[in-house]
Amino acid sequence: MHMEEDYIIKMNESGCGIRYNNYKQSLMLKYTFDTAQDSFFKKLKVKVDAYFVEQKLHPAGNGKLYWKSALQVATSAVLYTVLVFFTPPA
């Protein structure tokens, strides 16, 4: 088991970091991004939150969403039952 000090993180010009394993010649990639200067996601979150407030929508969904989910689960259960238990012999 290796500690966090066993890895080197190198940042490229776009702010993307790659973590290299010190013990092996092959590299183990773990991408990290410098979000301090990037405000795209912050702006996107503000706009999406504003949309939900303006449209008076709940971010987690409403009854229509739950109805669609229940219908999909029920349909898949029925299809599974038909395919497994009511298949004609070959």
N, C-alpha and C. Protein backbone atom coordinates (compact mmCIF):
# COMPACT_ATOMS: atom_id res chain seq x y z
N MET A 1 0.85 -1.18 0.00
CA MET A 1 0.00 0.00 0.00
C MET A 1 0.89 1.24 0.00
N HIS A 2 0.63 2.17 -0.89
CA HIS A 2 1.46 3.35 -1.03
C HIS A 2 0.77 4.56 -0.43
N MET A 3 1.56 5.42 0.13
CA MET A 3 1.04 6.67 0.68
C MET A 3 0.93 7.69 -0.43
N GLU A 4 0.27 8.81 -0.17
CA GLU A 4 0.09 9.87 -1.17
C GLU A 4 1.43 10.46 -1.60
N GLU A 5 2.47 10.40 -0.73
CA GLU A 5 3.78 10.94 -1.08
C GLU A 5 4.48 10.10 -2.15
N ASP A 6 3.97 8.91 -2.43
CA ASP A 6 4.58 8.03 -3.41
C ASP A 6 4.25 8.43 -4.84
N TYR A 7 3.52 9.49 -5.03
CA TYR A 7 3.09 9.89 -6.35
C TYR A 7 3.58 11.30 -6.66
N ILE A 8 3.78 11.57 -7.94
CA ILE A 8 4.17 12.90 -8.40
C ILE A 8 3.05 13.40 -9.29
N ILE A 9 2.59 14.62 -9.06
CA ILE A 9 1.57 15.22 -9.91
C ILE A 9 2.23 16.30 -10.74
N LYS A 10 2.14 16.16 -12.06
CA LYS A 10 2.70 17.15 -12.97
C LYS A 10 1.55 17.86 -13.67
N MET A 11 1.59 19.18 -13.66
CA MET A 11 0.55 19.98 -14.30
C MET A 11 1.03 20.38 -15.69
N ASN A 12 0.13 20.29 -16.67
CA ASN A 12 0.49 20.76 -18.01
C ASN A 12 -0.02 22.19 -18.20
N GLU A 13 0.15 22.73 -19.41
CA GLU A 13 -0.19 24.13 -19.64
C GLU A 13 -1.68 24.42 -19.55
N SER A 14 -2.54 23.42 -19.73
CA SER A 14 -3.98 23.66 -19.64
C SER A 14 -4.51 23.50 -18.22
N GLY A 15 -3.64 23.21 -17.26
CA GLY A 15 -4.08 23.06 -15.88
C GLY A 15 -4.49 21.65 -15.53
N CYS A 16 -4.28 20.71 -16.42
CA CYS A 16 -4.62 19.31 -16.18
C CYS A 16 -3.43 18.63 -15.51
N GLY A 17 -3.67 17.95 -14.41
CA GLY A 17 -2.59 17.27 -13.71
C GLY A 17 -2.61 15.78 -13.97
N ILE A 18 -1.45 15.18 -14.09
CA ILE A 18 -1.33 13.73 -14.25
C ILE A 18 -0.50 13.22 -13.09
N ARG A 19 -1.02 12.20 -12.40
CA ARG A 19 -0.32 11.62 -11.26
C ARG A 19 0.48 10.42 -11.73
N TYR A 20 1.79 10.44 -11.48
CA TYR A 20 2.69 9.35 -11.86
C TYR A 20 3.06 8.56 -10.63
N ASN A 21 3.16 7.25 -10.79
CA ASN A 21 3.57 6.37 -9.71
C ASN A 21 5.09 6.33 -9.69
N ASN A 22 5.71 6.56 -8.53
CA ASN A 22 7.17 6.56 -8.42
C ASN A 22 7.77 5.16 -8.50
N TYR A 23 7.02 4.12 -8.17
CA TYR A 23 7.59 2.80 -8.03
C TYR A 23 7.61 2.00 -9.31
N LYS A 24 6.81 2.32 -10.28
CA LYS A 24 6.74 1.55 -11.51
C LYS A 24 7.11 2.43 -12.69
N GLN A 25 7.62 1.80 -13.72
CA GLN A 25 7.93 2.54 -14.93
C GLN A 25 6.65 2.93 -15.67
N SER A 26 5.64 2.06 -15.62
CA SER A 26 4.37 2.41 -16.25
C SER A 26 3.69 3.48 -15.41
N LEU A 27 2.95 4.36 -16.05
CA LEU A 27 2.34 5.42 -15.28
C LEU A 27 0.87 5.13 -15.01
N MET A 28 0.47 5.49 -13.84
CA MET A 28 -0.93 5.36 -13.45
C MET A 28 -1.53 6.76 -13.53
N LEU A 29 -2.49 6.94 -14.40
CA LEU A 29 -3.04 8.27 -14.63
C LEU A 29 -4.18 8.58 -13.67
N LYS A 30 -4.13 9.76 -13.11
CA LYS A 30 -5.25 10.31 -12.35
C LYS A 30 -5.32 11.77 -12.76
N TYR A 31 -6.36 12.10 -13.47
CA TYR A 31 -6.48 13.45 -13.99
C TYR A 31 -7.06 14.37 -12.92
N THR A 32 -6.44 15.52 -12.76
CA THR A 32 -6.96 16.56 -11.89
C THR A 32 -6.99 17.85 -12.69
N PHE A 33 -7.89 18.73 -12.33
CA PHE A 33 -8.04 19.98 -13.05
C PHE A 33 -7.94 21.14 -12.08
N ASP A 34 -7.28 22.17 -12.51
CA ASP A 34 -7.15 23.37 -11.70
C ASP A 34 -8.44 24.18 -11.85
N THR A 35 -9.27 24.17 -10.83
CA THR A 35 -10.57 24.86 -10.91
C THR A 35 -10.53 26.25 -10.31
N ALA A 36 -9.39 26.68 -9.80
CA ALA A 36 -9.31 28.00 -9.19
C ALA A 36 -9.52 29.10 -10.22
N GLN A 37 -8.98 28.93 -11.43
CA GLN A 37 -9.11 29.96 -12.42
C GLN A 37 -10.30 29.74 -13.35
N ASP A 38 -10.87 28.55 -13.36
CA ASP A 38 -11.96 28.22 -14.26
C ASP A 38 -13.29 28.52 -13.59
N SER A 39 -14.03 29.46 -14.15
CA SER A 39 -15.31 29.82 -13.57
C SER A 39 -16.48 29.31 -14.40
N PHE A 40 -16.22 28.45 -15.40
CA PHE A 40 -17.28 27.94 -16.25
C PHE A 40 -18.33 27.20 -15.45
N PHE A 41 -17.90 26.27 -14.59
CA PHE A 41 -18.85 25.47 -13.83
C PHE A 41 -19.59 26.31 -12.80
N LYS A 42 -18.94 27.32 -12.26
CA LYS A 42 -19.61 28.21 -11.33
C LYS A 42 -20.72 28.99 -12.04
N LYS A 43 -20.40 29.51 -13.23
CA LYS A 43 -21.41 30.24 -14.01
C LYS A 43 -22.54 29.32 -14.44
N LEU A 44 -22.19 28.11 -14.84
CA LEU A 44 -23.21 27.15 -15.26
C LEU A 44 -24.14 26.81 -14.11
N LYS A 45 -23.60 26.59 -12.92
CA LYS A 45 -24.42 26.27 -11.76
C LYS A 45 -25.35 27.42 -11.41
N VAL A 46 -24.85 28.65 -11.49
CA VAL A 46 -25.68 29.81 -11.20
C VAL A 46 -26.84 29.90 -12.19
N LYS A 47 -26.56 29.69 -13.48
CA LYS A 47 -27.61 29.77 -14.49
C LYS A 47 -28.64 28.65 -14.34
N VAL A 48 -28.17 27.44 -14.05
CA VAL A 48 -29.10 26.32 -13.87
C VAL A 48 -29.97 26.54 -12.64
N ASP A 49 -29.37 26.99 -11.55
CA ASP A 49 -30.14 27.28 -10.34
C ASP A 49 -31.17 28.38 -10.59
N ALA A 50 -30.78 29.40 -11.35
CA ALA A 50 -31.70 30.49 -11.67
C ALA A 50 -32.86 29.98 -12.52
N TYR A 51 -32.59 29.07 -13.44
CA TYR A 51 -33.65 28.50 -14.28
C TYR A 51 -34.68 27.79 -13.42
N PHE A 52 -34.22 26.96 -12.48
CA PHE A 52 -35.15 26.24 -11.62
C PHE A 52 -35.97 27.19 -10.77
N VAL A 53 -35.38 28.27 -10.30
CA VAL A 53 -36.11 29.25 -9.49
C VAL A 53 -37.15 29.97 -10.35
N GLU A 54 -36.74 30.40 -11.55
CA GLU A 54 -37.66 31.12 -12.44
C GLU A 54 -38.84 30.25 -12.88
N GLN A 55 -38.58 28.99 -13.18
CA GLN A 55 -39.62 28.09 -13.65
C GLN A 55 -40.39 27.44 -12.49
N LYS A 56 -39.97 27.74 -11.26
CA LYS A 56 -40.59 27.18 -10.05
C LYS A 56 -40.59 25.65 -10.09
N LEU A 57 -39.43 25.10 -10.42
CA LEU A 57 -39.24 23.65 -10.47
C LEU A 57 -38.36 23.21 -9.31
N HIS A 58 -38.63 22.00 -8.83
CA HIS A 58 -37.78 21.43 -7.79
C HIS A 58 -36.61 20.72 -8.48
N PRO A 59 -35.37 20.95 -8.06
CA PRO A 59 -34.21 20.35 -8.73
C PRO A 59 -34.21 18.81 -8.70
N ALA A 60 -34.87 18.20 -7.74
CA ALA A 60 -34.87 16.74 -7.65
C ALA A 60 -36.01 16.12 -8.45
N GLY A 61 -36.85 16.92 -9.08
CA GLY A 61 -37.93 16.37 -9.88
C GLY A 61 -39.28 16.57 -9.20
N ASN A 62 -40.33 16.09 -9.86
CA ASN A 62 -41.68 16.20 -9.32
C ASN A 62 -42.41 14.88 -9.54
N GLY A 63 -43.71 14.89 -9.35
CA GLY A 63 -44.50 13.66 -9.48
C GLY A 63 -44.44 13.06 -10.87
N LYS A 64 -44.34 13.91 -11.89
CA LYS A 64 -44.27 13.42 -13.27
C LYS A 64 -43.01 12.56 -13.47
N LEU A 65 -41.90 13.01 -12.91
CA LEU A 65 -40.65 12.25 -13.02
C LEU A 65 -40.76 10.90 -12.30
N TYR A 66 -41.35 10.90 -11.11
CA TYR A 66 -41.48 9.65 -10.37
C TYR A 66 -42.44 8.69 -11.08
N TRP A 67 -43.48 9.21 -11.70
CA TRP A 67 -44.41 8.38 -12.45
C TRP A 67 -43.69 7.71 -13.63
N LYS A 68 -42.88 8.47 -14.35
CA LYS A 68 -42.13 7.91 -15.48
C LYS A 68 -41.16 6.83 -15.00
N SER A 69 -40.52 7.07 -13.88
CA SER A 69 -39.58 6.07 -13.33
C SER A 69 -40.30 4.79 -12.95
N ALA A 70 -41.44 4.92 -12.29
CA ALA A 70 -42.22 3.75 -11.90
C ALA A 70 -42.69 2.97 -13.12
N LEU A 71 -43.10 3.68 -14.17
CA LEU A 71 -43.55 3.04 -15.40
C LEU A 71 -42.40 2.27 -16.06
N GLN A 72 -41.21 2.84 -16.08
CA GLN A 72 -40.06 2.15 -16.67
C GLN A 72 -39.68 0.90 -15.88
N VAL A 73 -39.70 0.99 -14.56
CA VAL A 73 -39.37 -0.18 -13.73
C VAL A 73 -40.41 -1.27 -13.93
N ALA A 74 -41.70 -0.90 -13.94
CA ALA A 74 -42.76 -1.89 -14.12
C ALA A 74 -42.67 -2.53 -15.50
N THR A 75 -42.40 -1.74 -16.53
CA THR A 75 -42.27 -2.28 -17.89
C THR A 75 -41.11 -3.25 -17.99
N SER A 76 -39.99 -2.90 -17.40
CA SER A 76 -38.84 -3.82 -17.46
C SER A 76 -39.12 -5.10 -16.68
N ALA A 77 -39.84 -5.01 -15.57
CA ALA A 77 -40.18 -6.22 -14.80
C ALA A 77 -41.11 -7.12 -15.59
N VAL A 78 -42.07 -6.54 -16.27
CA VAL A 78 -43.00 -7.33 -17.08
C VAL A 78 -42.25 -7.99 -18.24
N LEU A 79 -41.41 -7.24 -18.93
CA LEU A 79 -40.64 -7.80 -20.04
C LEU A 79 -39.72 -8.93 -19.57
N TYR A 80 -39.07 -8.75 -18.45
CA TYR A 80 -38.20 -9.78 -17.90
C TYR A 80 -39.00 -11.05 -17.60
N THR A 81 -40.15 -10.88 -16.96
CA THR A 81 -40.99 -12.02 -16.60
C THR A 81 -41.45 -12.77 -17.85
N VAL A 82 -41.88 -12.03 -18.85
CA VAL A 82 -42.33 -12.67 -20.09
C VAL A 82 -41.18 -13.41 -20.76
N LEU A 83 -40.02 -12.80 -20.84
CA LEU A 83 -38.89 -13.44 -21.52
C LEU A 83 -38.37 -14.67 -20.76
N VAL A 84 -38.38 -14.62 -19.45
CA VAL A 84 -37.81 -15.73 -18.68
C VAL A 84 -38.81 -16.87 -18.51
N PHE A 85 -40.05 -16.55 -18.18
CA PHE A 85 -41.01 -17.62 -17.82
C PHE A 85 -41.96 -18.04 -18.93
N PHE A 86 -42.10 -17.22 -19.96
CA PHE A 86 -43.06 -17.55 -21.00
C PHE A 86 -42.43 -17.66 -22.38
N THR A 87 -41.19 -18.10 -22.44
CA THR A 87 -40.53 -18.28 -23.73
C THR A 87 -40.94 -19.63 -24.30
N PRO A 88 -41.27 -19.66 -25.57
CA PRO A 88 -41.62 -20.96 -26.16
C PRO A 88 -40.41 -21.86 -26.27
N PRO A 89 -40.59 -23.15 -26.19
CA PRO A 89 -39.44 -24.06 -26.31
C PRO A 89 -38.83 -23.98 -27.70
N ALA A 90 -37.54 -24.17 -27.77
CA ALA A 90 -36.85 -24.06 -29.06
C ALA A 90 -36.90 -25.31 -29.87
